[in-house]
Amino acid sequence: MTSSQYTEKVDWLFNQFPVFQKVGVSAYKPTLDNTLSLIQFFNVPIDQMKFVHVAGTNGKGTTCSVIASALTASGKKVGLFTSPHIKDFRERIRVNGAMISEEKVVDYINRIQNTNFEFSPSFFEMTWVMALAYFYEQKCDIVVVETGLGGRLDATNVIAPELSVITNIGLDHVAILGDTREKIASEKAGIIKQNVPVIIGESDDEISHVFIEAAESKQAPISFMSEHLGENTFEVNKRLAFEAVDFLLKGNPDLALIKSLAVKDLYQNTGLYGRNQIYSEQPLVILDAAHNTMGIQRFILDIQKRYSDKNVRVLYGASNDKDLFEISNLFPQEWEYYITEFNSQRTTKIEAFKAIEKITQLKIRYFSDAKEAFLQAKKLDYEIDMLIVFGSFFLLEEII
């Protein structure tokens, strides 16, 4: 098998089935029936597998990765399912940090191509069930699962986990999940299962009752992470992940060492990147996958706190379902902005940016090509300037 065959098969998978990452809302399948049918097709006995299920508006990928890294450090064989990928489709499906092989992906896709389904599964449904099949074949001790969208009707919500985790609730994907934090919390709370403990990350009076009521209805033990104001996003996600690890590995005498190794070997164990990641030191360039209002606000506040002595330049691009007016109000006036389109049909066009009054009042250069924008934005004075890049996984994909 050649790499070109792998590329050809993955391209077919992207083009054959609706992909939210590409087309947005129209790819969303609000039912679990397709997923259950695919699981039956691949003959995966999910009732024999162990899972940790993580939902939330922001921080899901980081929380999943820290949990998976800790479980790996403890000696377990750990499956990790996350989305979206940045460079390679196989980033979504890992065992102890190693991506699924190109050969195995081709094998699964060949099986799909040779079957006439009576329904039209989404790309995410198909990818998720491929992952389940792989994790079962690999005899994983436990699988850490990031929801794709929402919770209640997300394709991943067919599992019965050992533990459920909900990171936080913000306004994102409102056309699908609801236009209030309370409605969105209700969708995310859909991952709470009968008698399965759930840990809630960040909560408040507006939404905590939603989780409590959902947990009580399922006789699910519920705990809330105490507030940790002023810490950067990674630290908050790490602390939540460690609370999950405390539950999953309770009684393990090496917990302190395991947690230390989980952070030290995070990239090796999970492949996590694009989260407050230092891309280069000279010039100082930091990448982050922040893309909605909550995530961007936290990322900006963290940069302002940690790099108050720097002149900050921003490279920003957004998908066309984001609230540009709300996000632009977070942009500090004194920063310099390089706003770009990226290579996706979901990209926000320059004309849309220019229509936002707050954005037009900033120091801005516009680009239609993300690579060129990155090239120009990196021309910095190493001593006093820095560049931060955020807004979309699509943008990160084009520049790294």
Protein backbone atom coordinates (compact mmCIF):
# COMPACT_ATOMS: atom_id res chain seq x y z
CA MET A 1 0.00 0.00 0.00
CA THR A 2 1.24 3.51 -0.80
CA SER A 3 0.61 6.84 0.93
CA SER A 4 -1.20 7.98 -2.20
CA GLN A 5 -3.71 5.16 -1.70
CA TYR A 6 -4.28 6.33 1.87
CA THR A 7 -4.77 9.93 0.70
CA GLU A 8 -7.17 8.78 -1.99
CA LYS A 9 -9.26 6.78 0.49
CA VAL A 10 -9.43 9.58 3.07
CA ASP A 11 -10.38 12.07 0.35
CA TRP A 12 -13.19 9.71 -0.62
CA LEU A 13 -14.37 9.53 3.00
CA PHE A 14 -14.42 13.34 3.24
CA ASN A 15 -16.29 13.71 -0.03
CA GLN A 16 -18.69 10.79 0.38
CA PHE A 17 -20.20 11.71 3.72
CA PRO A 18 -21.25 15.09 5.15
CA VAL A 19 -18.45 16.64 7.21
CA PHE A 20 -19.30 19.31 9.81
CA GLN A 21 -15.71 20.51 9.67
CA LYS A 22 -16.32 21.43 6.01
CA VAL A 23 -20.00 22.20 5.54
CA GLY A 24 -21.21 23.06 9.04
CA VAL A 25 -24.74 22.54 10.35
CA SER A 26 -25.97 20.48 7.38
CA ALA A 27 -23.63 17.62 8.40
CA TYR A 28 -25.18 17.29 11.86
CA LYS A 29 -27.24 14.11 12.32
CA PRO A 30 -29.55 14.49 15.36
CA THR A 31 -30.04 10.79 15.99
CA LEU A 32 -28.04 7.86 17.32
CA ASP A 33 -29.65 5.31 14.98
CA ASN A 34 -26.96 5.58 12.30
CA THR A 35 -24.19 5.11 14.84
CA LEU A 36 -25.82 2.04 16.34
CA SER A 37 -26.28 0.52 12.88
CA LEU A 38 -22.62 1.15 12.03
CA ILE A 39 -21.50 -0.41 15.32
CA GLN A 40 -23.51 -3.50 14.39
CA PHE A 41 -21.94 -3.48 10.92
CA PHE A 42 -18.41 -3.39 12.37
CA ASN A 43 -19.42 -5.92 15.07
CA VAL A 44 -18.00 -3.91 17.96
CA PRO A 45 -19.15 -5.11 21.42
CA ILE A 46 -19.10 -1.70 23.07
CA ASP A 47 -20.67 -3.16 26.22
CA GLN A 48 -17.37 -4.99 26.78
CA MET A 49 -15.27 -1.81 26.56
CA LYS A 50 -14.44 0.84 29.16
CA PHE A 51 -14.76 4.56 28.42
CA VAL A 52 -14.34 8.06 29.80
CA HIS A 53 -16.72 10.50 28.08
CA VAL A 54 -15.94 14.24 27.91
CA ALA A 55 -18.28 17.01 26.71
CA GLY A 56 -18.28 20.80 27.02
CA THR A 57 -17.93 23.98 25.00
CA ASN A 58 -14.17 24.47 25.38
CA GLY A 59 -11.26 22.41 26.66
CA LYS A 60 -12.59 18.98 25.69
CA GLY A 61 -9.54 18.02 23.66
CA THR A 62 -7.07 19.18 26.28
CA THR A 63 -8.98 17.52 29.13
CA CYS A 64 -9.23 14.26 27.18
CA SER A 65 -5.53 14.38 26.33
CA VAL A 66 -4.37 14.96 29.91
CA ILE A 67 -6.60 12.13 31.15
CA ALA A 68 -5.33 9.81 28.42
CA SER A 69 -1.71 10.78 29.09
CA ALA A 70 -2.11 10.03 32.80
CA LEU A 71 -3.74 6.66 32.12
CA THR A 72 -0.92 5.86 29.69
CA ALA A 73 1.66 6.84 32.34
CA SER A 74 -0.08 4.46 34.74
CA GLY A 75 0.65 1.55 32.39
CA LYS A 76 -2.72 1.17 30.72
CA LYS A 77 -3.36 0.70 27.01
CA VAL A 78 -5.38 3.80 26.22
CA GLY A 79 -7.46 4.69 23.18
CA LEU A 80 -8.00 8.39 22.51
CA PHE A 81 -10.68 9.76 20.20
CA THR A 82 -10.63 13.51 19.50
CA SER A 83 -11.67 15.92 16.77
CA PRO A 84 -11.07 17.73 14.56
CA HIS A 85 -7.62 16.87 13.25
CA ILE A 86 -5.19 19.55 12.17
CA LYS A 87 -2.89 17.91 9.62
CA ASP A 88 -3.69 14.20 9.30
CA PHE A 89 -7.02 12.38 9.66
CA ARG A 90 -5.28 9.76 11.81
CA GLU A 91 -4.76 12.31 14.62
CA ARG A 92 -8.35 11.55 15.65
CA ILE A 93 -7.64 7.90 16.53
CA ARG A 94 -4.67 7.08 18.77
CA VAL A 95 -3.53 4.33 21.12
CA ASN A 96 -0.98 5.47 23.72
CA GLY A 97 -0.20 8.40 21.46
CA ALA A 98 0.42 6.41 18.29
CA MET A 99 -1.91 7.23 15.42
CA ILE A 100 -3.87 4.49 13.71
CA SER A 101 -1.91 3.17 10.73
CA GLU A 102 -2.64 4.27 7.18
CA GLU A 103 -3.15 0.59 6.28
CA LYS A 104 -5.85 0.14 8.91
CA VAL A 105 -7.67 3.28 7.77
CA VAL A 106 -7.62 2.03 4.19
CA ASP A 107 -8.91 -1.37 5.33
CA TYR A 108 -11.86 0.20 7.15
CA ILE A 109 -12.71 2.50 4.27
CA ASN A 110 -12.57 -0.42 1.83
CA ARG A 111 -15.16 -2.20 3.97
CA ILE A 112 -17.35 0.90 3.89
CA GLN A 113 -17.00 1.28 0.13
CA ASN A 114 -18.04 -2.33 -0.41
CA THR A 115 -21.26 -1.93 1.54
CA ASN A 116 -24.57 -0.42 0.46
CA PHE A 117 -26.00 1.21 3.56
CA GLU A 118 -29.72 1.93 3.78
CA PHE A 119 -28.94 5.31 5.33
CA SER A 120 -26.49 8.17 4.82
CA PRO A 121 -24.07 8.32 7.76
CA SER A 122 -22.10 11.47 8.46
CA PHE A 123 -18.33 11.63 8.27
CA PHE A 124 -18.17 11.92 12.07
CA GLU A 125 -20.40 8.89 12.65
CA MET A 126 -18.27 6.83 10.31
CA THR A 127 -14.98 8.02 11.83
CA TRP A 128 -16.22 7.37 15.38
CA VAL A 129 -17.25 3.79 14.65
CA MET A 130 -13.98 3.14 12.80
CA ALA A 131 -12.25 4.32 15.98
CA LEU A 132 -14.36 2.00 18.14
CA ALA A 133 -13.52 -0.94 15.90
CA TYR A 134 -9.82 -0.10 16.11
CA PHE A 135 -9.79 0.35 19.88
CA TYR A 136 -11.55 -2.98 20.32
CA GLU A 137 -9.11 -4.74 17.98
CA GLN A 138 -6.21 -3.19 19.87
CA LYS A 139 -7.62 -4.51 23.17
CA CYS A 140 -7.49 -1.10 24.83
CA ASP A 141 -7.94 -1.14 28.61
CA ILE A 142 -9.89 2.12 28.43
CA VAL A 143 -10.88 4.68 25.79
CA VAL A 144 -11.07 8.44 26.36
CA VAL A 145 -13.72 10.00 24.14
CA GLU A 146 -14.30 13.63 23.17
CA THR A 147 -17.84 14.41 22.04
CA GLY A 148 -18.11 15.91 18.59
CA LEU A 149 -20.98 18.35 19.10
CA GLY A 150 -23.32 18.74 22.06
CA GLY A 151 -23.82 15.52 23.97
CA ARG A 152 -27.35 14.13 24.07
CA LEU A 153 -27.53 13.34 20.36
CA ASP A 154 -23.82 13.26 19.61
CA ALA A 155 -22.70 10.08 17.85
CA THR A 156 -20.38 9.25 20.76
CA ASN A 157 -23.31 9.08 23.18
CA VAL A 158 -23.89 5.38 22.59
CA ILE A 159 -21.30 4.38 25.19
CA ALA A 160 -21.71 3.56 28.89
CA PRO A 161 -18.64 5.19 30.45
CA GLU A 162 -16.88 4.66 33.76
CA LEU A 163 -16.94 8.43 34.22
CA SER A 164 -18.52 11.43 32.49
CA VAL A 165 -16.85 14.85 32.44
CA ILE A 166 -18.32 18.20 31.34
CA THR A 167 -15.75 20.98 31.03
CA ASN A 168 -17.76 24.23 30.77
CA ILE A 169 -20.67 25.84 28.95
CA GLY A 170 -20.48 28.77 26.55
CA LEU A 171 -22.44 30.02 23.56
CA ASP A 172 -21.30 28.07 20.51
CA HIS A 173 -23.15 26.20 17.74
CA VAL A 174 -26.31 27.98 18.89
CA ALA A 175 -28.19 27.03 15.71
CA ILE A 176 -27.97 23.39 16.80
CA LEU A 177 -27.65 23.34 20.59
CA GLY A 178 -29.78 26.32 21.61
CA ASP A 179 -29.38 30.06 22.06
CA THR A 180 -28.88 30.15 25.84
CA ARG A 181 -26.28 28.62 28.12
CA GLU A 182 -29.07 26.79 29.93
CA LYS A 183 -30.26 25.09 26.72
CA ILE A 184 -26.70 24.19 25.75
CA ALA A 185 -26.01 22.81 29.23
CA SER A 186 -29.07 20.60 28.87
CA GLU A 187 -27.68 19.14 25.62
CA LYS A 188 -24.23 18.57 27.16
CA ALA A 189 -25.84 16.99 30.24
CA GLY A 190 -27.19 14.33 27.88
CA ILE A 191 -23.95 12.38 28.37
CA ILE A 192 -24.82 11.78 32.05
CA LYS A 193 -25.69 8.08 32.39
CA GLN A 194 -27.52 5.94 34.90
CA ASN A 195 -25.40 5.48 38.06
CA VAL A 196 -22.27 6.79 36.30
CA PRO A 197 -20.35 9.48 38.22
CA VAL A 198 -20.01 12.86 36.52
CA ILE A 199 -17.55 15.67 37.19
CA ILE A 200 -18.53 19.20 36.16
CA GLY A 201 -15.71 21.63 35.45
CA GLU A 202 -16.76 25.26 35.44
CA SER A 203 -20.33 26.05 36.40
CA ASP A 204 -22.45 28.84 37.90
CA ASP A 205 -25.97 29.58 39.13
CA GLU A 206 -27.32 29.87 35.58
CA ILE A 207 -26.50 26.28 34.63
CA SER A 208 -25.54 24.22 37.70
CA HIS A 209 -29.17 23.26 38.37
CA VAL A 210 -29.33 21.69 34.89
CA PHE A 211 -26.54 19.28 35.76
CA ILE A 212 -27.88 18.55 39.22
CA GLU A 213 -31.35 17.72 37.89
CA ALA A 214 -29.92 15.52 35.12
CA ALA A 215 -27.68 13.67 37.57
CA GLU A 216 -30.50 13.16 40.09
CA SER A 217 -32.76 11.76 37.38
CA LYS A 218 -30.08 9.17 36.55
CA GLN A 219 -28.95 8.52 40.15
CA ALA A 220 -25.51 9.63 38.96
CA PRO A 221 -23.08 10.85 41.65
CA ILE A 222 -22.13 14.43 40.73
CA SER A 223 -19.23 16.63 41.81
CA PHE A 224 -18.22 20.15 40.82
CA MET A 225 -14.65 21.34 40.39
CA SER A 226 -14.02 24.32 42.64
CA GLU A 227 -13.47 27.63 40.84
CA HIS A 228 -9.91 28.56 39.91
CA LEU A 229 -10.12 32.15 38.78
CA GLY A 230 -7.10 33.79 37.23
CA GLU A 231 -5.46 30.61 35.95
CA ASN A 232 -4.83 30.10 32.25
CA THR A 233 -7.06 27.78 30.28
CA PHE A 234 -4.61 24.87 30.19
CA GLU A 235 -4.24 24.93 33.98
CA VAL A 236 -8.03 24.84 34.45
CA ASN A 237 -8.39 21.94 32.00
CA LYS A 238 -5.47 20.11 33.59
CA ARG A 239 -6.97 20.45 37.05
CA LEU A 240 -10.30 19.05 35.84
CA ALA A 241 -8.50 16.19 34.10
CA PHE A 242 -6.59 15.40 37.29
CA GLU A 243 -9.85 15.23 39.25
CA ALA A 244 -10.98 12.63 36.72
CA VAL A 245 -7.67 10.80 37.09
CA ASP A 246 -8.05 10.80 40.88
CA PHE A 247 -11.34 8.96 40.41
CA LEU A 248 -10.12 6.56 37.72
CA LEU A 249 -6.88 5.65 39.51
CA LYS A 250 -7.99 5.98 43.12
CA GLY A 251 -5.80 3.91 45.39
CA ASN A 252 -2.81 4.03 43.03
CA PRO A 253 0.21 4.85 45.22
CA ASP A 254 2.02 6.54 42.30
CA LEU A 255 -0.64 9.15 41.52
CA ALA A 256 1.68 12.14 42.02
CA LEU A 257 4.30 10.69 39.68
CA ILE A 258 1.65 9.70 37.14
CA LYS A 259 0.29 13.25 37.02
CA SER A 260 3.77 14.68 36.60
CA LEU A 261 4.50 12.30 33.72
CA ALA A 262 1.09 13.04 32.19
CA VAL A 263 2.09 16.67 31.64
CA LYS A 264 5.75 15.99 30.82
CA ASP A 265 4.88 13.40 28.16
CA LEU A 266 1.62 14.98 26.98
CA TYR A 267 2.60 15.38 23.33
CA GLN A 268 4.23 11.93 23.19
CA ASN A 269 1.22 10.25 24.81
CA THR A 270 -1.53 12.08 22.92
CA GLY A 271 -0.15 14.21 20.08
CA LEU A 272 -1.85 17.29 21.55
CA TYR A 273 -0.78 20.58 20.00
CA GLY A 274 -2.27 23.89 19.00
CA ARG A 275 -3.28 24.70 22.59
CA ASN A 276 -1.36 27.73 23.82
CA GLN A 277 1.55 26.17 21.97
CA ILE A 278 4.85 28.00 21.59
CA TYR A 279 5.52 27.56 17.87
CA SER A 280 8.84 29.43 17.96
CA GLU A 281 10.88 31.39 20.49
CA GLN A 282 12.53 33.86 18.11
CA PRO A 283 10.29 35.37 17.02
CA LEU A 284 7.87 34.44 19.79
CA VAL A 285 4.87 32.84 18.08
CA ILE A 286 2.05 31.17 20.02
CA LEU A 287 -0.71 29.09 18.43
CA ASP A 288 -4.07 28.33 19.95
CA ALA A 289 -7.19 26.58 18.70
CA ALA A 290 -9.49 29.11 20.45
CA HIS A 291 -12.40 29.72 18.08
CA ASN A 292 -15.51 30.74 20.04
CA THR A 293 -16.18 33.70 22.32
CA MET A 294 -15.38 31.93 25.59
CA GLY A 295 -12.17 30.36 24.31
CA ILE A 296 -10.91 33.54 22.64
CA GLN A 297 -11.65 35.68 25.68
CA ARG A 298 -9.66 33.35 27.92
CA PHE A 299 -6.76 33.12 25.48
CA ILE A 300 -6.53 36.91 25.15
CA LEU A 301 -6.65 37.43 28.92
CA ASP A 302 -3.91 34.84 29.38
CA ILE A 303 -1.67 36.55 26.80
CA GLN A 304 -2.26 39.96 28.40
CA LYS A 305 -1.33 38.57 31.81
CA ARG A 306 1.75 36.60 30.81
CA TYR A 307 3.18 38.90 28.13
CA SER A 308 2.31 42.39 29.35
CA ASP A 309 5.74 43.63 28.23
CA LYS A 310 5.22 42.61 24.59
CA ASN A 311 3.75 44.33 21.57
CA VAL A 312 1.18 41.81 20.38
CA ARG A 313 0.39 41.06 16.76
CA VAL A 314 -2.58 38.82 15.94
CA LEU A 315 -3.17 36.51 13.00
CA TYR A 316 -6.87 35.69 13.01
CA GLY A 317 -9.32 33.84 10.80
CA ALA A 318 -12.78 32.51 11.58
CA SER A 319 -15.37 30.03 10.37
CA ASN A 320 -18.53 31.65 9.07
CA ASP A 321 -20.74 30.49 11.96
CA LYS A 322 -18.96 32.61 14.56
CA ASP A 323 -20.32 35.81 16.12
CA LEU A 324 -17.82 38.31 14.73
CA PHE A 325 -19.42 41.26 16.47
CA GLU A 326 -19.13 39.65 19.90
CA ILE A 327 -15.62 38.32 19.26
CA SER A 328 -14.33 41.62 17.86
CA ASN A 329 -15.35 43.35 21.08
CA LEU A 330 -12.75 41.20 22.84
CA PHE A 331 -9.90 42.47 20.64
CA PRO A 332 -7.62 44.93 22.51
CA GLN A 333 -7.40 48.26 20.69
CA GLU A 334 -3.62 48.51 21.08
CA TRP A 335 -2.85 45.22 19.32
CA GLU A 336 -2.10 44.89 15.62
CA TYR A 337 -4.23 42.53 13.52
CA TYR A 338 -3.61 40.43 10.42
CA ILE A 339 -7.00 39.06 9.39
CA THR A 340 -7.12 36.30 6.81
CA GLU A 341 -9.32 33.90 4.95
CA PHE A 342 -8.29 30.25 4.88
CA ASN A 343 -8.75 27.36 2.50
CA SER A 344 -12.21 26.12 3.47
CA GLN A 345 -15.70 26.76 2.21
CA ARG A 346 -16.57 27.70 5.80
CA THR A 347 -14.10 30.58 5.98
CA THR A 348 -15.35 34.06 6.84
CA LYS A 349 -14.68 36.34 3.90
CA ILE A 350 -12.80 39.61 4.25
CA GLU A 351 -15.95 41.54 3.29
CA ALA A 352 -17.71 40.16 6.37
CA PHE A 353 -14.89 41.32 8.63
CA LYS A 354 -14.94 44.77 7.09
CA ALA A 355 -18.66 45.07 7.84
CA ILE A 356 -18.01 44.91 11.61
CA GLU A 357 -17.54 48.46 12.88
CA LYS A 358 -15.34 47.50 15.86
CA ILE A 359 -12.96 45.62 13.57
CA THR A 360 -12.63 48.57 11.18
CA GLN A 361 -11.41 50.72 14.10
CA LEU A 362 -8.42 48.45 14.71
CA LYS A 363 -4.96 48.42 13.12
CA ILE A 364 -5.59 45.77 10.44
CA ARG A 365 -4.10 44.23 7.34
CA TYR A 366 -6.29 41.83 5.35
CA PHE A 367 -5.16 38.72 3.47
CA SER A 368 -6.90 36.21 1.25
CA ASP A 369 -4.09 33.67 1.72
CA ALA A 370 -3.30 32.37 5.21
CA LYS A 371 0.25 31.28 4.39
CA GLU A 372 1.13 34.71 3.06
CA ALA A 373 -0.52 36.33 6.09
CA PHE A 374 1.59 34.18 8.41
CA LEU A 375 4.75 35.01 6.48
CA GLN A 376 4.10 38.74 6.79
CA ALA A 377 2.90 38.62 10.40
CA LYS A 378 6.11 36.86 11.51
CA LYS A 379 8.25 39.86 10.57
CA LEU A 380 8.77 40.99 14.15
CA ASP A 381 11.25 42.71 16.38
CA TYR A 382 12.37 39.71 18.43
CA GLU A 383 12.95 41.78 21.56
CA ILE A 384 9.62 43.56 21.92
CA ASP A 385 7.09 41.87 19.61
CA MET A 386 5.17 38.60 19.58
CA LEU A 387 2.63 36.94 17.30
CA ILE A 388 -0.42 34.98 18.41
CA VAL A 389 -2.44 32.89 15.97
CA PHE A 390 -5.99 31.75 16.73
CA GLY A 391 -9.56 31.58 15.42
CA SER A 392 -9.84 28.18 13.72
CA PHE A 393 -8.31 24.73 13.37
CA PHE A 394 -8.40 25.42 9.63
CA LEU A 395 -6.05 28.34 10.11
CA LEU A 396 -3.61 26.28 12.18
CA GLU A 397 -3.75 23.51 9.59
CA GLU A 398 -2.53 25.85 6.87
CA ILE A 399 0.43 27.31 8.71
CA ILE A 400 1.99 24.41 10.63
